[in-house]
Amino acid sequence: MALINQLVSRAALRPLNVRAISKSPLRPDRILWTDFRMPSTAAQTRRLPQFTEQRRTVVFKKEQGQPKHFNAKSNATASPSLLAESEEYEKNWVSETRYTQPHPIWNDEEVHAVQKTHFRPRGVSDRAALYLLRSIRGVFDVCTGYAFGPLSAQGWINRVVLLETIAGVPGLVGAAFRHLRSLRRMERDYGWIHTLLEEAENERMHLMSALMIKNPGRVFRTFVIAGQLFFLPLYTGMYLVSPRLAHRFVGYLEEEAVKTYTHLLEELEAGHQPELASMKAPLLARQYWSLKNDASFTDMIFAIRADESHHRDVNHTFANMKPNEENPFEPGH
């Protein structure tokens, strides 16, 4: 039995169609997959600049001992205010990074190169997506206090947490529709599912990182539930009627997310948010984005903004494609 368990364990760590496996120099607990395609193709992994010597895509990780159960009660704190760095508190959450899917690891040049862009509507469907998004954003700005002037540190964290509880919905809904479509029609998916699932998880990890700073109270959690009760049926119906409309809507949503995080970064760099600027990035965030040990809250926001710009471009690309076209984005792109 011990021999069988050992063989099964080794097989679980051996990915298919892999030509080269190497350790990450920044993260010894991570292994990098350098060939995402069938054995007949060449490795497609892109490298980051020389000073990092780390490949962009993290595919799987080595065993790290027995996993700890995620116990929400043990993660609770007495106060919903901004949290000071707590090693014990973070240990209850940091195991989340053990199960993450491939995602981009950004370098300094990439995170500072992000620009605010806008896709000009091309037809009735695009305009409907844009006007709907702007209407929802107006309500969201009022609910988070963004429409009434500068936000406090607490206000910014509230906005980020609430935004990410909504932003994590579209990717999962889209992946579910694509999955069921593939089963129903008994045909291939053309690679869309994995990108949509990566997007959903990436947005969720934004939320997990923000929760290292703020543990919401009951009233805030009620707003989150209400938001999902509104947005989930809305986006599900949208994807059911027109996947193109749904992806365009998410593209515009991510455009607004980039604007929000750019504004936050401007506040941090101008010294208007000293409480946030002085914070160290949570351990969970440092591990997820492979940030330096002394990375700050600002560094984390730069990485989140880069993720949002990536989701923006991916969804606008999907909105321009037909459902049976090949996904141009490889795992972790």
Protein backbone atom coordinates (compact mmCIF):
# COMPACT_ATOMS: atom_id res chain seq x y z
CA MET A 1 0.00 0.00 0.00
CA ALA A 2 2.88 2.39 0.84
CA LEU A 3 4.41 1.69 -2.58
CA ILE A 4 1.08 2.42 -4.33
CA ASN A 5 0.66 5.68 -2.43
CA GLN A 6 4.19 6.73 -3.36
CA LEU A 7 3.59 6.00 -7.06
CA VAL A 8 0.26 7.89 -7.04
CA SER A 9 1.91 10.86 -5.31
CA ARG A 10 4.67 11.00 -7.89
CA ALA A 11 2.20 10.70 -10.76
CA ALA A 12 0.15 13.59 -9.39
CA LEU A 13 3.18 15.87 -9.61
CA ARG A 14 4.03 14.89 -13.19
CA PRO A 15 2.06 17.12 -15.61
CA LEU A 16 1.24 15.91 -19.10
CA ASN A 17 2.95 17.32 -22.18
CA VAL A 18 5.73 18.92 -20.14
CA ARG A 19 9.15 19.14 -21.69
CA ALA A 20 11.09 21.14 -19.13
CA ILE A 21 10.52 21.72 -15.45
CA SER A 22 12.50 24.17 -13.38
CA LYS A 23 12.34 25.79 -9.95
CA SER A 24 11.49 29.45 -9.58
CA PRO A 25 14.55 31.33 -8.26
CA LEU A 26 12.29 33.68 -6.25
CA ARG A 27 9.89 31.00 -5.02
CA PRO A 28 11.62 27.62 -4.34
CA ASP A 29 8.21 26.12 -3.50
CA ARG A 30 7.00 26.71 -7.05
CA ILE A 31 7.71 24.72 -10.20
CA LEU A 32 7.46 26.27 -13.65
CA TRP A 33 5.88 24.52 -16.61
CA THR A 34 7.61 25.49 -19.86
CA ASP A 35 5.48 23.78 -22.49
CA PHE A 36 1.69 24.28 -22.60
CA ARG A 37 0.96 22.57 -25.90
CA MET A 38 1.05 19.05 -27.29
CA PRO A 39 4.46 17.35 -27.43
CA SER A 40 4.86 18.29 -31.12
CA THR A 41 5.12 22.01 -30.39
CA ALA A 42 7.95 24.12 -29.01
CA ALA A 43 7.97 25.63 -25.56
CA GLN A 44 6.17 28.96 -25.49
CA THR A 45 7.08 30.33 -22.07
CA ARG A 46 8.03 34.01 -22.01
CA ARG A 47 10.68 35.27 -19.61
CA LEU A 48 10.73 38.32 -17.45
CA PRO A 49 13.73 40.69 -17.53
CA GLN A 50 17.14 39.44 -16.43
CA PHE A 51 17.01 41.00 -12.97
CA THR A 52 14.15 38.73 -11.92
CA GLU A 53 15.10 35.56 -13.82
CA GLN A 54 11.61 34.23 -13.21
CA ARG A 55 9.27 32.79 -15.79
CA ARG A 56 5.88 34.36 -16.15
CA THR A 57 3.63 31.35 -15.67
CA VAL A 58 3.39 29.37 -12.45
CA VAL A 59 1.61 26.10 -13.20
CA PHE A 60 1.78 23.94 -10.11
CA LYS A 61 3.52 23.69 -6.79
CA LYS A 62 5.40 21.10 -4.83
CA GLU A 63 3.83 19.41 -1.83
CA GLN A 64 3.90 21.59 1.25
CA GLY A 65 2.72 19.26 3.97
CA GLN A 66 -0.79 18.64 5.20
CA PRO A 67 -3.24 21.39 4.16
CA LYS A 68 -5.07 23.35 6.84
CA HIS A 69 -8.80 23.58 6.68
CA PHE A 70 -10.20 27.01 5.84
CA ASN A 71 -12.15 27.90 8.96
CA ALA A 72 -14.01 31.19 8.64
CA LYS A 73 -14.68 31.42 12.37
CA SER A 74 -11.00 31.16 13.25
CA ASN A 75 -10.27 33.97 10.81
CA ALA A 76 -12.71 36.39 12.42
CA THR A 77 -11.47 39.39 14.35
CA ALA A 78 -13.19 41.48 16.97
CA SER A 79 -13.03 44.69 14.96
CA PRO A 80 -13.91 45.29 11.29
CA SER A 81 -11.45 48.21 11.13
CA LEU A 82 -8.15 48.21 9.26
CA LEU A 83 -6.01 45.39 10.55
CA ALA A 84 -2.40 45.61 11.61
CA GLU A 85 -0.09 42.90 10.24
CA SER A 86 -0.85 39.75 12.20
CA GLU A 87 1.19 36.63 11.56
CA GLU A 88 -1.38 34.37 13.21
CA TYR A 89 -4.25 35.96 11.25
CA GLU A 90 -2.47 35.65 7.92
CA LYS A 91 -1.45 32.02 8.47
CA ASN A 92 -5.12 31.08 8.39
CA TRP A 93 -5.40 32.52 4.88
CA VAL A 94 -2.04 32.17 3.21
CA SER A 95 -2.60 28.51 2.27
CA GLU A 96 -4.98 29.86 -0.41
CA THR A 97 -1.92 30.48 -2.61
CA ARG A 98 -1.19 26.74 -2.68
CA TYR A 99 -4.17 26.04 -4.89
CA THR A 100 -4.08 28.91 -7.37
CA GLN A 101 -4.17 28.49 -11.13
CA PRO A 102 -1.61 29.92 -13.57
CA HIS A 103 -1.58 33.70 -13.61
CA PRO A 104 0.77 36.49 -14.75
CA ILE A 105 3.67 37.55 -12.55
CA TRP A 106 4.33 41.18 -13.40
CA ASN A 107 7.66 42.99 -13.31
CA ASP A 108 8.20 46.66 -12.43
CA GLU A 109 8.23 47.79 -16.04
CA GLU A 110 4.93 46.09 -16.80
CA VAL A 111 3.02 47.38 -13.78
CA HIS A 112 4.10 50.96 -14.44
CA ALA A 113 3.27 50.72 -18.14
CA VAL A 114 -0.48 50.16 -17.58
CA GLN A 115 -2.58 52.82 -19.30
CA LYS A 116 -6.24 53.80 -19.06
CA THR A 117 -7.85 52.83 -22.36
CA HIS A 118 -11.35 52.78 -23.80
CA PHE A 119 -12.84 50.56 -26.48
CA ARG A 120 -15.11 52.66 -28.67
CA PRO A 121 -18.56 51.01 -29.10
CA ARG A 122 -19.14 49.63 -32.57
CA GLY A 123 -22.85 48.85 -32.51
CA VAL A 124 -26.04 48.66 -30.49
CA SER A 125 -24.79 45.74 -28.39
CA ASP A 126 -21.60 47.56 -27.41
CA ARG A 127 -23.49 50.73 -26.54
CA ALA A 128 -25.96 48.78 -24.42
CA ALA A 129 -23.07 47.19 -22.50
CA LEU A 130 -21.41 50.58 -21.97
CA TYR A 131 -24.56 52.40 -20.81
CA LEU A 132 -25.50 49.55 -18.48
CA LEU A 133 -22.03 49.57 -16.98
CA ARG A 134 -22.08 53.33 -16.46
CA SER A 135 -25.45 53.09 -14.72
CA ILE A 136 -24.22 50.39 -12.36
CA ARG A 137 -21.01 52.32 -11.71
CA GLY A 138 -23.06 55.38 -10.72
CA VAL A 139 -24.93 53.39 -8.09
CA PHE A 140 -21.68 51.75 -6.94
CA ASP A 141 -19.99 55.14 -6.54
CA VAL A 142 -22.85 56.35 -4.35
CA CYS A 143 -22.85 53.20 -2.20
CA THR A 144 -19.10 53.40 -1.58
CA GLY A 145 -19.03 57.18 -1.05
CA TYR A 146 -16.79 57.68 -4.08
CA ALA A 147 -19.28 60.12 -5.62
CA PHE A 148 -19.14 62.48 -2.64
CA GLY A 149 -15.46 63.39 -2.58
CA PRO A 150 -12.11 61.99 -1.38
CA LEU A 151 -12.22 58.66 0.41
CA SER A 152 -10.55 57.81 3.69
CA ALA A 153 -8.28 54.77 4.03
CA GLN A 154 -11.26 52.83 5.36
CA GLY A 155 -13.38 54.03 2.44
CA TRP A 156 -10.83 52.90 -0.13
CA ILE A 157 -10.58 49.41 1.35
CA ASN A 158 -14.38 49.18 1.48
CA ARG A 159 -14.53 50.09 -2.21
CA VAL A 160 -11.85 47.58 -3.19
CA VAL A 161 -13.47 44.74 -1.24
CA LEU A 162 -16.93 45.45 -2.63
CA LEU A 163 -15.58 45.82 -6.18
CA GLU A 164 -13.78 42.48 -6.08
CA THR A 165 -16.81 40.59 -4.72
CA ILE A 166 -18.57 41.60 -7.95
CA ALA A 167 -15.61 41.34 -10.34
CA GLY A 168 -15.09 37.66 -9.48
CA VAL A 169 -18.53 36.67 -10.81
CA PRO A 170 -18.27 37.05 -14.64
CA GLY A 171 -15.36 34.68 -15.19
CA LEU A 172 -17.03 31.84 -13.32
CA VAL A 173 -20.39 32.39 -15.06
CA GLY A 174 -18.74 32.49 -18.49
CA ALA A 175 -16.69 29.37 -17.77
CA ALA A 176 -19.82 27.52 -16.58
CA PHE A 177 -21.72 28.44 -19.75
CA ARG A 178 -18.81 27.37 -21.96
CA HIS A 179 -18.43 24.12 -20.02
CA LEU A 180 -22.12 23.23 -20.28
CA ARG A 181 -22.16 24.22 -23.96
CA SER A 182 -19.28 21.85 -24.64
CA LEU A 183 -21.08 19.01 -22.82
CA ARG A 184 -24.42 19.73 -24.46
CA ARG A 185 -23.09 19.95 -28.00
CA MET A 186 -20.41 17.30 -27.43
CA GLU A 187 -17.75 19.47 -29.00
CA ARG A 188 -14.53 21.14 -27.92
CA ASP A 189 -14.41 24.46 -26.08
CA TYR A 190 -11.47 25.97 -28.03
CA GLY A 191 -9.66 26.79 -24.80
CA TRP A 192 -11.89 29.56 -23.41
CA ILE A 193 -12.80 27.83 -20.14
CA HIS A 194 -9.37 27.91 -18.54
CA THR A 195 -8.88 31.63 -19.22
CA LEU A 196 -12.26 32.50 -17.73
CA LEU A 197 -11.60 30.38 -14.63
CA GLU A 198 -8.19 31.99 -14.22
CA GLU A 199 -9.87 35.40 -14.38
CA ALA A 200 -12.46 34.45 -11.74
CA GLU A 201 -9.83 33.13 -9.37
CA ASN A 202 -7.53 36.09 -9.95
CA GLU A 203 -10.32 38.48 -8.98
CA ARG A 204 -11.05 36.38 -5.92
CA MET A 205 -7.40 36.58 -4.88
CA HIS A 206 -7.65 40.37 -5.12
CA LEU A 207 -10.43 40.10 -2.56
CA MET A 208 -8.45 37.70 -0.35
CA SER A 209 -5.53 40.14 -0.34
CA ALA A 210 -7.78 43.06 0.64
CA LEU A 211 -9.31 40.99 3.44
CA MET A 212 -5.87 40.81 5.04
CA ILE A 213 -6.33 44.54 5.71
CA LYS A 214 -10.02 44.69 6.52
CA ASN A 215 -12.33 42.08 7.98
CA PRO A 216 -15.85 43.33 7.11
CA GLY A 217 -18.61 43.48 9.67
CA ARG A 218 -22.15 42.19 9.35
CA VAL A 219 -23.59 45.27 7.68
CA PHE A 220 -20.91 45.25 5.00
CA ARG A 221 -21.37 41.53 4.40
CA THR A 222 -25.09 42.17 3.93
CA PHE A 223 -24.27 44.65 1.16
CA VAL A 224 -22.05 42.02 -0.47
CA ILE A 225 -24.85 39.45 -0.43
CA ALA A 226 -27.28 41.99 -1.86
CA GLY A 227 -24.81 42.89 -4.59
CA GLN A 228 -24.39 39.27 -5.64
CA LEU A 229 -28.14 38.65 -5.55
CA PHE A 230 -28.47 41.52 -8.02
CA PHE A 231 -25.43 41.00 -10.23
CA LEU A 232 -25.35 37.21 -10.59
CA PRO A 233 -28.81 36.88 -12.23
CA LEU A 234 -28.12 39.99 -14.32
CA TYR A 235 -24.85 38.71 -15.75
CA THR A 236 -26.17 35.15 -16.13
CA GLY A 237 -29.08 36.45 -18.21
CA MET A 238 -26.72 38.64 -20.19
CA TYR A 239 -24.45 35.70 -21.06
CA LEU A 240 -27.44 33.54 -21.90
CA VAL A 241 -28.76 36.13 -24.36
CA SER A 242 -25.45 37.25 -25.87
CA PRO A 243 -21.95 36.13 -24.79
CA ARG A 244 -20.53 38.93 -26.92
CA LEU A 245 -22.56 41.51 -24.97
CA ALA A 246 -21.43 39.92 -21.68
CA HIS A 247 -17.72 39.99 -22.56
CA ARG A 248 -17.97 43.57 -23.81
CA PHE A 249 -19.65 44.52 -20.53
CA VAL A 250 -16.78 42.96 -18.56
CA GLY A 251 -14.28 44.74 -20.79
CA TYR A 252 -15.89 48.06 -19.86
CA LEU A 253 -16.10 46.98 -16.21
CA GLU A 254 -12.35 46.34 -16.18
CA GLU A 255 -11.73 49.71 -17.82
CA GLU A 256 -13.43 51.30 -14.82
CA ALA A 257 -11.45 49.09 -12.43
CA VAL A 258 -8.20 50.33 -13.99
CA LYS A 259 -9.40 53.92 -13.50
CA THR A 260 -10.25 53.24 -9.85
CA TYR A 261 -6.89 51.65 -9.04
CA THR A 262 -5.04 54.36 -10.97
CA HIS A 263 -6.81 56.97 -8.84
CA LEU A 264 -5.86 55.05 -5.70
CA LEU A 265 -2.23 54.89 -6.80
CA GLU A 266 -2.25 58.65 -7.45
CA GLU A 267 -3.58 59.19 -3.92
CA LEU A 268 -0.88 56.95 -2.46
CA GLU A 269 1.96 58.56 -4.39
CA ALA A 270 0.72 62.08 -3.59
CA GLY A 271 0.79 61.30 0.14
CA HIS A 272 -2.96 61.63 0.62
CA GLN A 273 -3.27 58.13 2.11
CA PRO A 274 -0.35 57.81 4.56
CA GLU A 275 -2.04 55.03 6.54
CA LEU A 276 -2.27 52.81 3.47
CA ALA A 277 1.05 53.89 1.95
CA SER A 278 2.91 52.87 5.12
CA MET A 279 1.41 49.39 5.15
CA LYS A 280 3.35 46.32 4.12
CA ALA A 281 1.74 44.12 1.48
CA PRO A 282 0.05 41.12 3.15
CA LEU A 283 1.95 37.85 3.07
CA LEU A 284 -0.76 36.29 0.92
CA ALA A 285 -0.31 39.02 -1.71
CA ARG A 286 3.48 38.77 -1.61
CA GLN A 287 3.29 35.06 -2.27
CA TYR A 288 0.57 35.22 -4.92
CA TRP A 289 2.33 37.86 -7.07
CA SER A 290 5.87 36.80 -6.04
CA LEU A 291 6.52 40.25 -4.60
CA LYS A 292 9.61 41.10 -2.58
CA ASN A 293 9.52 40.47 1.15
CA ASP A 294 9.48 44.21 1.85
CA ALA A 295 6.78 44.95 -0.77
CA SER A 296 4.32 47.65 0.24
CA PHE A 297 0.57 48.06 -0.09
CA THR A 298 1.30 50.29 -3.10
CA ASP A 299 3.20 47.45 -4.80
CA MET A 300 0.18 45.21 -4.30
CA ILE A 301 -2.14 47.78 -5.89
CA PHE A 302 0.20 48.08 -8.87
CA ALA A 303 -0.06 44.30 -9.38
CA ILE A 304 -3.84 44.33 -9.01
CA ARG A 305 -4.15 47.15 -11.56
CA ALA A 306 -2.00 45.18 -14.01
CA ASP A 307 -4.32 42.19 -13.56
CA GLU A 308 -7.37 44.36 -14.24
CA SER A 309 -5.84 45.78 -17.42
CA HIS A 310 -5.17 42.24 -18.56
CA HIS A 311 -8.80 41.18 -17.92
CA ARG A 312 -9.93 44.27 -19.82
CA ASP A 313 -7.95 43.30 -22.91
CA VAL A 314 -8.92 39.62 -22.71
CA ASN A 315 -12.66 40.31 -22.51
CA HIS A 316 -12.62 42.89 -25.30
CA THR A 317 -10.77 40.31 -27.39
CA PHE A 318 -13.35 37.61 -26.59
CA ALA A 319 -16.15 40.05 -27.46
CA ASN A 320 -14.59 40.47 -30.92
CA MET A 321 -14.34 36.72 -31.50
CA LYS A 322 -16.81 34.04 -32.53
CA PRO A 323 -17.60 31.32 -29.96
CA ASN A 324 -15.86 28.66 -32.05
CA GLU A 325 -12.61 30.56 -32.55
CA GLU A 326 -9.41 29.38 -30.87
CA ASN A 327 -8.51 31.10 -27.61
CA PRO A 328 -5.32 33.12 -28.29
CA PHE A 329 -4.35 33.23 -24.59
CA GLU A 330 -2.26 30.40 -23.19
CA PRO A 331 -2.57 29.26 -19.54
CA GLY A 332 -1.25 31.92 -17.22
CA HIS A 333 -1.02 34.59 -19.90
